[in-house]
Amino acid sequence: MGKTLEELQTRDDGGDSTELIGDLAYTPDDQLTPTAKLIKSIITGGASGETSDTYPNVPIKGTSACKADTCCIWQYVANDMALVFRGASGRCTGLARGAVRLGFHDAAGWSKNTGKGGGADGSIILAPAEMTRDANNGLQEIVAQMSRWYARYKDYGVGMADLIQMGANVATVVCPLGPRIRSFVGRKDSNVACTDGLLPGVNQNADALIQLFQDKTIQPHGLTALIGAHTTSQQRFIDPARAGDPQDSTPGVWDVLFYKQTLGQAPPRVFKFQSDVVLSQDPRINPELTQFAGPGGQDHWNEDYAREYVRLSLLGVYNINNLTDCSKVLPPATISYSNPDQAVLDKWLASTKHSDPVAKALRDGSPITNLLNAVLALLGKIRREVTFAA
């Protein structure tokens, strides 16, 4: 975390975007606030998107001291979020994964071709039409949770657009090994639905996906970093018969195993999106993806993901010069983690039969060690079926 400019410059990621976004594109440098200058430096590769800022003396909520500090109330929001995003196993929960996806889906509803409408403006919740779209199916639980937090904190000045993006960043760092991404508040909310058709589809080809993101100012290297968020996920709707199947062998952990298993072999229960597979094979994506999968890949990916998510979280935001850096409210990062129940998890991943209890436990972030008998019974049933068929 908190890499220096010299350290950042030792890595040549020549495919990264340096394109300016929002009001940064037309505001002279001498008129930029310190926060806007920091954001500009992050998205052009001059500063890290990760943070080590802390908030040691948080005022009591509701006091004049808390009201005087824009970030104070966000510390209480972040604390509430962390409680539901971290499971008993230490892994992040389904709500955490939903929060990351929600942040992406709100912000990605913007393109250079759609003008100033859409983007990170809270419309995915504030404009009811957006949640009727197929691309947003599965977000209902996190939308309900965000709506509860909004009702609790809106009178303190918390906006929906900021709440969604703070949720994505809190969730990311709550996931073991995830980065602490610089987090900004002050976006403007909108109840106008964004243009439909701006989110990626699992059956799109590489050319279409790369062009879709380039229209959002995100180049192939940035796209390579962003798709890695699938490392924590469990698919539910692409193939309902396999609901709960993860996209790598360590669901709920923010690690680079997703890249390794997308490139190569994976256990039967690991579910690969076709869009991820075709991207991993594309020459504009493969070299960077291979680096993430290789030695030192975790730090490299976290650095790249943080930078690209800062960019993504500010798409369609035209008051960047008025934002406040509240990175100090984020929970601490978990820099070392080993699944306490990986041996049992591996047995389930090696099976070809669905197990609702295991899938649910993983979704809740619960340890599955106590489900060993269920897993072994499932495997015994599979062996009997194979023997009978033979």
Protein backbone atom coordinates (compact mmCIF):
# COMPACT_ATOMS: atom_id res chain seq x y z
CA MET A 1 0.00 0.00 0.00
CA GLY A 2 0.97 3.64 -0.40
CA LYS A 3 3.61 3.11 -3.09
CA THR A 4 5.86 6.09 -3.84
CA LEU A 5 6.04 7.70 -7.27
CA GLU A 6 9.52 6.20 -7.78
CA GLU A 7 8.23 2.71 -6.99
CA LEU A 8 5.28 3.14 -9.35
CA GLN A 9 7.52 4.27 -12.17
CA THR A 10 9.66 1.14 -11.96
CA ARG A 11 6.77 -0.84 -13.43
CA ASP A 12 6.00 -0.11 -17.07
CA ASP A 13 2.29 -0.61 -17.65
CA GLY A 14 2.26 1.14 -21.00
CA GLY A 15 -1.31 0.09 -21.75
CA ASP A 16 -2.88 2.12 -18.94
CA SER A 17 -5.15 5.07 -19.64
CA THR A 18 -4.09 8.59 -18.71
CA GLU A 19 -7.23 10.20 -20.13
CA LEU A 20 -8.79 12.84 -17.91
CA ILE A 21 -12.38 12.47 -16.76
CA GLY A 22 -15.17 14.73 -15.51
CA ASP A 23 -14.27 18.33 -14.74
CA LEU A 24 -10.57 17.42 -14.61
CA ALA A 25 -10.68 17.52 -18.41
CA TYR A 26 -11.32 21.27 -18.50
CA THR A 27 -10.21 22.70 -15.15
CA PRO A 28 -6.75 24.37 -15.23
CA ASP A 29 -4.19 22.95 -12.82
CA ASP A 30 -3.89 26.20 -10.93
CA GLN A 31 -7.61 26.00 -10.11
CA LEU A 32 -7.57 22.41 -8.84
CA THR A 33 -8.03 21.66 -5.15
CA PRO A 34 -5.47 19.39 -3.43
CA THR A 35 -7.95 16.49 -3.63
CA ALA A 36 -8.56 17.03 -7.34
CA LYS A 37 -4.79 17.21 -7.94
CA LEU A 38 -4.40 13.89 -6.11
CA ILE A 39 -7.13 12.26 -8.20
CA LYS A 40 -5.59 13.59 -11.40
CA SER A 41 -2.22 12.18 -10.37
CA ILE A 42 -3.74 8.78 -9.55
CA ILE A 43 -5.59 8.34 -12.84
CA THR A 44 -2.60 9.50 -14.90
CA GLY A 45 -0.19 7.14 -13.14
CA GLY A 46 1.71 9.60 -10.96
CA ALA A 47 0.34 8.53 -7.57
CA SER A 48 -0.93 5.34 -5.99
CA GLY A 49 -4.63 4.56 -5.77
CA GLU A 50 -3.97 2.75 -2.48
CA THR A 51 -3.94 4.45 0.89
CA SER A 52 -2.53 3.93 4.37
CA ASP A 53 -4.38 6.93 5.88
CA THR A 54 -5.96 6.32 9.29
CA TYR A 55 -8.46 8.20 11.46
CA PRO A 56 -7.19 7.90 15.06
CA ASN A 57 -9.55 10.27 16.91
CA VAL A 58 -13.06 10.02 15.52
CA PRO A 59 -15.52 12.50 17.04
CA ILE A 60 -18.77 11.19 18.49
CA LYS A 61 -21.59 10.99 15.96
CA GLY A 62 -24.00 13.91 16.16
CA THR A 63 -21.57 16.25 17.92
CA SER A 64 -20.47 19.58 16.50
CA ALA A 65 -16.97 18.17 16.09
CA CYS A 66 -18.31 15.35 13.92
CA LYS A 67 -20.42 17.72 11.86
CA ALA A 68 -17.36 19.89 11.26
CA ASP A 69 -15.45 16.99 9.66
CA THR A 70 -16.97 15.72 6.42
CA CYS A 71 -15.36 12.32 6.93
CA CYS A 72 -16.59 11.76 10.48
CA ILE A 73 -19.99 10.35 9.61
CA TRP A 74 -18.37 8.16 6.97
CA GLN A 75 -16.38 6.41 9.69
CA TYR A 76 -19.66 5.26 11.23
CA VAL A 77 -20.95 4.22 7.81
CA ALA A 78 -17.78 2.23 7.07
CA ASN A 79 -17.95 0.52 10.47
CA ASP A 80 -21.55 -0.56 9.81
CA MET A 81 -20.59 -1.87 6.41
CA ALA A 82 -17.62 -3.88 7.67
CA LEU A 83 -19.86 -5.72 10.14
CA VAL A 84 -21.97 -7.26 7.37
CA PHE A 85 -19.20 -7.61 4.81
CA ARG A 86 -16.95 -9.88 6.93
CA GLY A 87 -18.01 -13.44 7.73
CA ALA A 88 -17.06 -15.66 10.67
CA SER A 89 -14.39 -17.38 8.56
CA GLY A 90 -12.67 -14.06 7.86
CA ARG A 91 -13.77 -14.26 4.22
CA CYS A 92 -16.01 -11.57 2.78
CA THR A 93 -19.71 -12.26 2.42
CA GLY A 94 -22.16 -12.25 -0.46
CA LEU A 95 -23.20 -8.74 0.54
CA ALA A 96 -19.59 -7.60 0.18
CA ARG A 97 -19.39 -9.13 -3.29
CA GLY A 98 -22.70 -7.48 -4.10
CA ALA A 99 -21.35 -4.12 -2.95
CA VAL A 100 -18.35 -4.39 -5.30
CA ARG A 101 -20.65 -5.31 -8.18
CA LEU A 102 -23.10 -2.53 -7.29
CA GLY A 103 -20.33 0.06 -7.33
CA PHE A 104 -19.25 -1.15 -10.73
CA HIS A 105 -22.76 -1.24 -12.20
CA ASP A 106 -23.62 2.27 -11.01
CA ALA A 107 -20.39 3.85 -12.26
CA ALA A 108 -20.18 1.91 -15.53
CA GLY A 109 -23.51 3.32 -16.70
CA TRP A 110 -21.55 6.04 -18.46
CA SER A 111 -19.72 6.35 -21.76
CA LYS A 112 -17.93 9.06 -23.68
CA ASN A 113 -20.79 8.68 -26.15
CA THR A 114 -23.56 9.45 -23.64
CA GLY A 115 -22.58 12.95 -22.55
CA LYS A 116 -22.86 13.96 -18.91
CA GLY A 117 -25.67 11.57 -17.98
CA GLY A 118 -25.09 8.41 -15.97
CA GLY A 119 -22.02 7.23 -14.11
CA ALA A 120 -21.39 7.15 -10.37
CA ASP A 121 -24.52 9.07 -9.43
CA GLY A 122 -26.56 6.61 -7.37
CA SER A 123 -29.14 6.16 -10.12
CA ILE A 124 -28.92 2.37 -9.97
CA ILE A 125 -30.97 2.71 -6.76
CA LEU A 126 -32.55 6.15 -7.10
CA ALA A 127 -33.93 5.48 -10.61
CA PRO A 128 -36.16 2.36 -10.21
CA ALA A 129 -35.96 1.49 -13.92
CA GLU A 130 -32.31 0.44 -13.61
CA MET A 131 -32.98 -2.45 -11.25
CA THR A 132 -35.52 -3.91 -13.69
CA ARG A 133 -32.73 -4.58 -16.21
CA ASP A 134 -31.42 -8.13 -16.56
CA ALA A 135 -27.81 -6.96 -16.18
CA ASN A 136 -28.56 -5.90 -12.59
CA ASN A 137 -30.26 -9.12 -11.51
CA GLY A 138 -28.80 -10.44 -8.28
CA LEU A 139 -28.19 -7.01 -6.79
CA GLN A 140 -31.53 -6.88 -4.95
CA GLU A 141 -30.09 -7.86 -1.55
CA ILE A 142 -27.31 -5.29 -1.55
CA VAL A 143 -29.67 -2.63 -2.92
CA ALA A 144 -32.01 -3.31 0.02
CA GLN A 145 -29.09 -3.06 2.45
CA MET A 146 -27.79 0.16 0.85
CA SER A 147 -31.29 1.62 1.06
CA ARG A 148 -31.37 0.89 4.80
CA TRP A 149 -28.01 2.58 5.31
CA TYR A 150 -29.16 5.53 3.21
CA ALA A 151 -32.27 5.93 5.35
CA ARG A 152 -30.09 5.82 8.48
CA TYR A 153 -27.48 8.33 7.34
CA LYS A 154 -29.00 10.64 4.73
CA ASP A 155 -29.94 13.22 7.36
CA TYR A 156 -26.23 13.43 8.19
CA GLY A 157 -25.47 14.47 4.61
CA VAL A 158 -24.65 11.04 3.18
CA GLY A 159 -25.56 10.75 -0.51
CA MET A 160 -26.48 7.58 -2.38
CA ALA A 161 -23.76 7.87 -5.04
CA ASP A 162 -21.07 8.17 -2.38
CA LEU A 163 -22.65 5.43 -0.27
CA ILE A 164 -22.46 2.99 -3.19
CA GLN A 165 -18.82 3.74 -3.98
CA MET A 166 -17.77 3.74 -0.33
CA GLY A 167 -19.51 0.38 -0.02
CA ALA A 168 -17.50 -1.04 -2.91
CA ASN A 169 -14.23 0.13 -1.37
CA VAL A 170 -15.05 -1.04 2.15
CA ALA A 171 -16.06 -4.42 0.75
CA THR A 172 -12.85 -4.72 -1.26
CA VAL A 173 -10.58 -4.18 1.73
CA VAL A 174 -12.72 -6.36 4.00
CA CYS A 175 -12.07 -9.23 1.58
CA PRO A 176 -8.76 -10.77 2.73
CA LEU A 177 -5.75 -9.46 0.73
CA GLY A 178 -7.84 -6.68 -0.83
CA PRO A 179 -6.37 -3.18 -1.26
CA ARG A 180 -7.40 -0.01 0.60
CA ILE A 181 -8.57 2.11 -2.32
CA ARG A 182 -8.60 5.90 -1.98
CA SER A 183 -12.19 6.91 -1.34
CA PHE A 184 -13.77 10.26 -2.14
CA VAL A 185 -17.14 11.78 -1.24
CA GLY A 186 -19.22 14.67 -2.56
CA ARG A 187 -20.69 13.20 -5.77
CA LYS A 188 -24.07 14.49 -6.96
CA ASP A 189 -27.01 12.09 -6.82
CA SER A 190 -29.37 11.54 -9.75
CA ASN A 191 -32.75 9.83 -10.07
CA VAL A 192 -32.47 9.70 -13.88
CA ALA A 193 -31.76 6.22 -15.24
CA CYS A 194 -28.52 5.80 -17.14
CA THR A 195 -28.47 4.65 -20.76
CA ASP A 196 -29.11 0.92 -21.06
CA GLY A 197 -26.62 -1.45 -22.68
CA LEU A 198 -23.43 -0.04 -21.14
CA LEU A 199 -22.57 -3.05 -18.95
CA PRO A 200 -20.50 -6.00 -20.17
CA GLY A 201 -22.16 -9.31 -21.02
CA VAL A 202 -20.74 -12.76 -20.28
CA ASN A 203 -21.17 -13.85 -23.90
CA GLN A 204 -19.56 -10.83 -25.58
CA ASN A 205 -16.35 -11.29 -27.54
CA ALA A 206 -13.05 -9.65 -26.63
CA ASP A 207 -13.30 -6.90 -29.25
CA ALA A 208 -16.72 -5.81 -27.99
CA LEU A 209 -15.66 -5.88 -24.34
CA ILE A 210 -12.44 -3.95 -24.92
CA GLN A 211 -14.25 -1.32 -26.99
CA LEU A 212 -16.98 -1.03 -24.33
CA PHE A 213 -14.36 -0.15 -21.71
CA GLN A 214 -12.32 2.10 -23.96
CA ASP A 215 -15.50 4.13 -24.38
CA LYS A 216 -15.35 4.57 -20.59
CA THR A 217 -11.67 5.74 -20.79
CA ILE A 218 -10.47 2.35 -19.52
CA GLN A 219 -7.77 0.70 -21.63
CA PRO A 220 -7.04 -3.08 -21.82
CA HIS A 221 -4.60 -3.05 -18.87
CA GLY A 222 -7.25 -1.41 -16.71
CA LEU A 223 -9.88 -3.87 -17.86
CA THR A 224 -7.52 -6.73 -16.99
CA ALA A 225 -7.27 -5.42 -13.44
CA LEU A 226 -10.98 -4.79 -13.01
CA ILE A 227 -12.17 -8.24 -14.09
CA GLY A 228 -10.12 -9.68 -11.23
CA ALA A 229 -12.91 -8.69 -8.85
CA HIS A 230 -14.49 -11.97 -9.94
CA THR A 231 -12.00 -13.65 -7.59
CA THR A 232 -14.42 -13.34 -4.68
CA SER A 233 -17.64 -14.15 -6.50
CA GLN A 234 -20.16 -16.98 -6.66
CA GLN A 235 -22.31 -16.99 -9.78
CA ARG A 236 -26.03 -17.52 -9.33
CA PHE A 237 -27.89 -16.60 -12.51
CA ILE A 238 -25.69 -17.46 -15.50
CA ASP A 239 -26.34 -21.14 -14.77
CA PRO A 240 -28.98 -21.49 -12.01
CA ALA A 241 -28.30 -25.23 -11.75
CA ARG A 242 -24.84 -24.30 -10.47
CA ALA A 243 -25.91 -21.41 -8.25
CA GLY A 244 -23.22 -20.68 -5.66
CA ASP A 245 -20.31 -21.99 -7.69
CA PRO A 246 -17.26 -19.72 -7.25
CA GLN A 247 -15.02 -18.30 -9.96
CA ASP A 248 -11.88 -19.62 -8.34
CA SER A 249 -10.99 -22.05 -5.54
CA THR A 250 -10.84 -19.35 -2.84
CA PRO A 251 -14.21 -17.57 -2.92
CA GLY A 252 -14.39 -14.57 -0.61
CA VAL A 253 -10.62 -14.00 -0.80
CA TRP A 254 -9.19 -11.16 -2.91
CA ASP A 255 -6.33 -13.14 -4.45
CA VAL A 256 -4.84 -13.73 -7.90
CA LEU A 257 -5.94 -17.36 -8.07
CA PHE A 258 -8.77 -16.18 -10.35
CA TYR A 259 -6.21 -15.22 -12.98
CA LYS A 260 -4.28 -18.48 -12.67
CA GLN A 261 -7.40 -20.64 -12.93
CA THR A 262 -8.93 -18.60 -15.75
CA LEU A 263 -5.73 -19.14 -17.73
CA GLY A 264 -5.36 -22.81 -16.84
CA GLN A 265 -7.02 -25.74 -15.13
CA ALA A 266 -9.51 -25.39 -12.30
CA PRO A 267 -11.58 -27.83 -10.19
CA PRO A 268 -14.98 -28.87 -11.60
CA ARG A 269 -17.02 -26.55 -9.39
CA VAL A 270 -15.11 -23.42 -10.44
CA PHE A 271 -17.34 -21.52 -12.85
CA LYS A 272 -15.57 -19.55 -15.59
CA PHE A 273 -17.40 -16.76 -17.39
CA GLN A 274 -16.94 -17.09 -21.13
CA SER A 275 -16.17 -13.36 -21.28
CA ASP A 276 -13.25 -13.84 -18.86
CA VAL A 277 -11.92 -16.77 -20.87
CA VAL A 278 -11.96 -14.94 -24.21
CA LEU A 279 -10.36 -11.88 -22.65
CA SER A 280 -7.61 -13.99 -21.04
CA GLN A 281 -6.70 -15.29 -24.50
CA ASP A 282 -6.66 -11.90 -26.22
CA PRO A 283 -3.15 -10.52 -26.93
CA ARG A 284 -4.15 -7.11 -25.55
CA ILE A 285 -5.09 -8.68 -22.21
CA ASN A 286 -3.04 -11.86 -21.84
CA PRO A 287 0.42 -10.39 -21.04
CA GLU A 288 -0.84 -8.32 -18.10
CA LEU A 289 -3.14 -11.09 -16.92
CA THR A 290 -0.21 -13.51 -16.98
CA GLN A 291 1.81 -11.08 -14.85
CA PHE A 292 -0.98 -10.92 -12.28
CA ALA A 293 -1.03 -14.74 -12.19
CA GLY A 294 2.74 -14.95 -11.72
CA PRO A 295 5.26 -14.14 -8.96
CA GLY A 296 4.54 -10.81 -7.28
CA GLY A 297 1.16 -10.74 -8.96
CA GLN A 298 -0.83 -9.87 -5.82
CA ASP A 299 0.87 -6.53 -5.18
CA HIS A 300 0.91 -5.71 -8.90
CA TRP A 301 -2.81 -6.44 -9.23
CA ASN A 302 -3.78 -4.54 -6.08
CA GLU A 303 -1.88 -1.47 -7.33
CA ASP A 304 -3.48 -1.60 -10.77
CA TYR A 305 -6.95 -2.39 -9.47
CA ALA A 306 -6.87 0.51 -7.00
CA ARG A 307 -5.84 2.97 -9.71
CA GLU A 308 -8.48 1.75 -12.14
CA TYR A 309 -11.21 1.66 -9.54
CA VAL A 310 -10.52 5.27 -8.57
CA ARG A 311 -11.09 6.09 -12.26
CA LEU A 312 -14.19 3.91 -12.53
CA SER A 313 -15.71 5.31 -9.33
CA LEU A 314 -15.56 8.84 -10.77
CA LEU A 315 -16.97 8.23 -14.24
CA GLY A 316 -19.70 10.75 -14.98
CA VAL A 317 -18.68 12.89 -11.99
CA TYR A 318 -18.29 16.55 -12.97
CA ASN A 319 -17.57 18.05 -9.57
CA ILE A 320 -14.30 16.24 -8.84
CA ASN A 321 -12.81 19.60 -7.87
CA ASN A 322 -15.22 19.73 -4.92
CA LEU A 323 -14.73 16.21 -3.56
CA THR A 324 -13.27 15.30 -0.16
CA ASP A 325 -10.75 12.52 0.43
CA CYS A 326 -12.17 10.28 3.18
CA SER A 327 -9.81 7.35 2.67
CA LYS A 328 -8.95 7.42 6.37
CA VAL A 329 -12.29 5.80 7.31
CA LEU A 330 -11.56 2.50 5.56
CA PRO A 331 -11.02 -0.65 7.64
CA PRO A 332 -7.45 -1.97 7.88
CA ALA A 333 -6.30 -4.36 5.19
CA THR A 334 -5.83 -8.08 5.85
CA ILE A 335 -2.43 -8.61 4.26
CA SER A 336 -2.07 -12.29 5.13
CA TYR A 337 -4.79 -14.94 5.12
CA SER A 338 -5.16 -18.69 4.82
CA ASN A 339 -8.57 -20.35 4.56
CA PRO A 340 -9.15 -22.30 7.79
CA ASP A 341 -11.32 -24.82 5.92
CA GLN A 342 -9.54 -25.07 2.56
CA ALA A 343 -9.17 -28.86 2.80
CA VAL A 344 -12.93 -29.31 3.10
CA LEU A 345 -13.53 -26.65 0.46
CA ASP A 346 -11.21 -28.49 -1.94
CA LYS A 347 -13.24 -31.67 -1.53
CA TRP A 348 -16.41 -29.83 -2.49
CA LEU A 349 -14.72 -28.05 -5.41
CA ALA A 350 -13.60 -31.43 -6.75
CA SER A 351 -17.17 -32.71 -6.85
CA THR A 352 -19.69 -32.37 -9.66
CA LYS A 353 -22.80 -32.37 -7.50
CA HIS A 354 -24.38 -29.21 -6.11
CA SER A 355 -24.53 -28.67 -2.35
CA ASP A 356 -26.83 -25.89 -1.15
CA PRO A 357 -25.45 -25.89 2.43
CA VAL A 358 -21.87 -25.38 1.23
CA ALA A 359 -22.82 -22.72 -1.30
CA LYS A 360 -24.82 -20.86 1.35
CA ALA A 361 -22.06 -21.08 3.95
CA LEU A 362 -19.58 -19.63 1.48
CA ARG A 363 -22.02 -16.87 0.62
CA ASP A 364 -22.40 -16.03 4.31
CA GLY A 365 -18.64 -16.06 4.84
CA SER A 366 -19.06 -18.93 7.29
CA PRO A 367 -16.52 -21.73 7.81
CA ILE A 368 -17.58 -24.95 6.15
CA THR A 369 -15.58 -27.31 8.38
CA ASN A 370 -18.77 -28.29 10.20
CA LEU A 371 -20.18 -29.34 6.81
CA LEU A 372 -17.50 -32.01 6.32
CA ASN A 373 -19.97 -34.87 6.79
CA ALA A 374 -22.31 -33.34 4.21
CA VAL A 375 -19.45 -32.98 1.73
CA LEU A 376 -18.23 -36.55 2.32
CA ALA A 377 -21.79 -37.88 1.94
CA LEU A 378 -22.07 -35.97 -1.33
CA LEU A 379 -18.79 -37.42 -2.58
CA GLY A 380 -19.91 -40.93 -1.50
CA LYS A 381 -23.12 -40.49 -3.48
CA ILE A 382 -21.12 -39.48 -6.54
CA ARG A 383 -18.85 -42.54 -6.22
CA ARG A 384 -21.86 -44.85 -5.91
CA GLU A 385 -23.48 -43.30 -8.99
CA VAL A 386 -20.27 -43.69 -11.00
CA THR A 387 -19.87 -47.34 -9.90
CA PHE A 388 -23.51 -48.12 -10.76
CA ALA A 389 -23.20 -46.45 -14.17
CA ALA A 390 -20.07 -48.41 -14.95
